[in-house]
Each structure stands twice: as C-alpha cells, then as structure tokens.
Amino acid sequence: MITDSGGVRRLRDKESFFDGLSSSWHRENRLTSRERELILSALPPGEPGGGYPVLDLGGGTGRLTEFLRPLTGSPLLLLDLSRGMLSRPVPPPGSRIQGDAHRLPLRDRSVGLVFCYCAFPHFDRKEKVIRECQRILRPGGGLVILHNCGREEINRFHSAREEVIAGDLLPPLPAFRSWGGASGMIPERLQNSRECFLVRYRKPVP
C-alpha cells in the first residue's frame, strides 16, 4: 500500500472520484460485442483460472466478472478500491473485495488468473502492482492487462479528464516488458494498436 501522505491522499481522492461515478457506471458501461470478442481473444489458453480463483482487478461494478462467470468453473473475485462500485451485487459465485491493488489482500499462489480490464492506468505504482499479481498467482497462472483502444487514445482521454485521474497514463510496451522480467513474469503477448492495448504475462512453473 502507498504509505506516504501524498499517496494516501491520492488513493482517497480516487476512491471518492469513482464512488461518485458508481450509481450509473454499470448501466453506462456495458460490454459491447466487440469488447466481449477482445476479452475472449486475450484470455490465456485453457479454462480461465484452471480451477483456481479468477481475480477481476479494478473491476468496478463487475461487468467483466459477469461476462467471465459462464466461461469458468473457478470462483470469481472482484476487487476494487471504490466501495461505491462494489455496492452492486456480484452474481454468485463471485466475492467482492475492497482493496488496494498495490497490496492485494490475497495469499501467495492462491489465484489462477488476474484480469485487469480498462483499469491499469489508475494504479500509481504500476510495477508494484505487477509484482503483487506475480505473488498471488499460482505457477503457470496468467495476468492479462487489456484496454479496448490503443495507448495513445487512452492517454489523451485521461489527460483531458478531472485532475484526480489526469495523470493516470499507460506507459509504453517496453516498460511492461522490463517490469515483467524484473518481477519474474514471462511476457506472452504485447500489443498496442488502434483496436486494443494488451499485455499478457505468465508466471513460470518451477
């Protein structure tokens, strides 16, 4: 968790910001057919989670969790910083967790897949989040970071928004390659195009 006073303040400001959007978020941000296709194409081969829980990281009201539910027999976990976002019930067998992505409240090697959809720019210490995902993933588990447009469009959009998220930008792909290597994750797919931004890692099996 970010422990400096400025970091704590940023977390609180972001929590408040997304709380304010939560009442209409699910209704206004339903997954389109194109987004569903993108998500399916980004999933690692095999059953999502492989019997271990699947974590929807920064998942807001749970639109990704709802989509993944019929695709896996694994338990589903929805984690978000915003209590307002999490106030919407998640279809069983989903569980809601309010928490900070920089310090995930989950055990080592307890998760089969971490999927972060349209949320990664909002994490201040991005390499720390990747390291936390590596920690909680089982050997052979995967981390997917996906956006439904390219990095340039994402960064233009956030830069023009309210101050609290104006600095929430996606770094270039070489940064993700470097972070993956430093955290012990294998980069399997790295893509930045007009259609999507995708980073997929796999935790190696000893």
Foldseek 3Di string as FASTA:
>chain_A
DDDDPVVVVLLVVVLVVLLVVQVCCCVVDADDPLNLVVVVVQADPDQAFPQFEEEAEQCFLCNVVVSNVVRHPHEYEYEHQHPNSPVRDDPPPYDYDHDALLADPAAFQRTQEYEYEPCQLSHPPNLSSVLNVLRNHHAFGKYKYKYQAFQVVSLVVQCPDDPSRNRSGDDDQVVVCVSCVVNQWAWDDADGDGGMGMTMTTRHDD
